[in-house]
Amino acid sequence: MNISFLSSSDKIYTFVHIPKCAGKSISAYLMQNSTHCWTIHSKSHATMQDLIETGKDLGTTFAVVRNPYAR
């Protein structure tokens, strides 16, 4: 799930979920520990282009990747 959230300093951040990179765990943590969070796209694995096309303020955007050989 791609989610946006507010930090304690009221800055907007957007987490982009890449499949098989611990996205569910990160999303769950953000939802439990953010002052306010919301999903920004109906697709759980929306592309960056999909997110930009929503026209919403994404703030600082980040994702988590992994080394495919580590698995």
Protein backbone atom coordinates (compact mmCIF):
# COMPACT_ATOMS: atom_id res chain seq x y z
CA MET A 1 0.00 0.00 0.00
CA ASN A 2 1.28 3.44 -0.88
CA ILE A 3 0.68 5.79 2.03
CA SER A 4 1.33 9.39 2.91
CA PHE A 5 1.79 10.45 6.51
CA LEU A 6 2.57 13.44 8.66
CA SER A 7 5.68 13.46 10.80
CA SER A 8 5.75 15.00 14.25
CA SER A 9 6.97 18.22 12.63
CA ASP A 10 3.94 18.22 10.26
CA LYS A 11 6.01 17.44 7.15
CA ILE A 12 4.41 15.18 4.55
CA TYR A 13 6.17 11.97 3.54
CA THR A 14 5.02 9.31 1.09
CA PHE A 15 6.07 5.67 1.30
CA VAL A 16 6.00 3.84 -2.05
CA HIS A 17 5.50 0.10 -1.50
CA ILE A 18 7.65 -2.06 -3.77
CA PRO A 19 6.53 -5.73 -3.74
CA LYS A 20 8.69 -8.20 -1.74
CA CYS A 21 10.60 -5.45 0.12
CA ALA A 22 8.95 -5.50 3.60
CA GLY A 23 6.32 -2.95 2.53
CA LYS A 24 3.50 -4.40 4.65
CA SER A 25 5.62 -4.22 7.79
CA ILE A 26 6.69 -0.66 7.07
CA SER A 27 3.14 0.43 6.23
CA ALA A 28 1.82 -1.11 9.45
CA TYR A 29 4.50 0.66 11.50
CA LEU A 30 3.78 4.01 9.84
CA MET A 31 0.04 3.67 10.38
CA GLN A 32 0.51 2.90 14.08
CA ASN A 33 3.12 5.57 14.78
CA SER A 34 2.18 8.58 12.64
CA THR A 35 0.00 11.46 13.75
CA HIS A 36 -2.08 11.09 10.58
CA CYS A 37 -1.73 8.82 7.54
CA TRP A 38 -3.78 8.08 4.44
CA THR A 39 -3.59 6.04 1.25
CA ILE A 40 -3.08 8.09 -1.86
CA HIS A 41 -3.96 5.60 -4.58
CA SER A 42 -6.48 2.77 -4.81
CA LYS A 43 -3.86 0.38 -6.26
CA SER A 44 -1.69 -1.15 -3.57
CA HIS A 45 1.37 -1.19 -5.83
CA ALA A 46 0.88 2.00 -7.83
CA THR A 47 3.82 3.21 -9.89
CA MET A 48 5.47 6.53 -9.19
CA GLN A 49 3.80 7.88 -12.34
CA ASP A 50 0.39 6.81 -10.98
CA LEU A 51 1.09 8.70 -7.77
CA ILE A 52 2.23 11.85 -9.57
CA GLU A 53 -0.90 11.79 -11.74
CA THR A 54 -3.13 12.03 -8.65
CA GLY A 55 -2.03 15.67 -8.34
CA LYS A 56 -1.71 15.36 -4.56
CA ASP A 57 1.19 16.75 -2.55
CA LEU A 58 3.54 13.78 -2.02
CA GLY A 59 6.05 15.64 0.13
CA THR A 60 9.27 13.67 0.51
CA THR A 61 8.87 10.31 -1.22
CA PHE A 62 10.79 7.16 -0.28
CA ALA A 63 10.83 3.41 -0.83
CA VAL A 64 12.75 0.41 0.46
CA VAL A 65 14.61 -1.95 -1.87
CA ARG A 66 16.51 -5.15 -1.20
CA ASN A 67 19.38 -7.06 -2.72
CA PRO A 68 17.79 -9.88 -4.75
CA TYR A 69 20.73 -12.17 -3.96
CA ALA A 70 20.15 -11.82 -0.20
CA ARG A 71 16.88 -13.73 -0.41
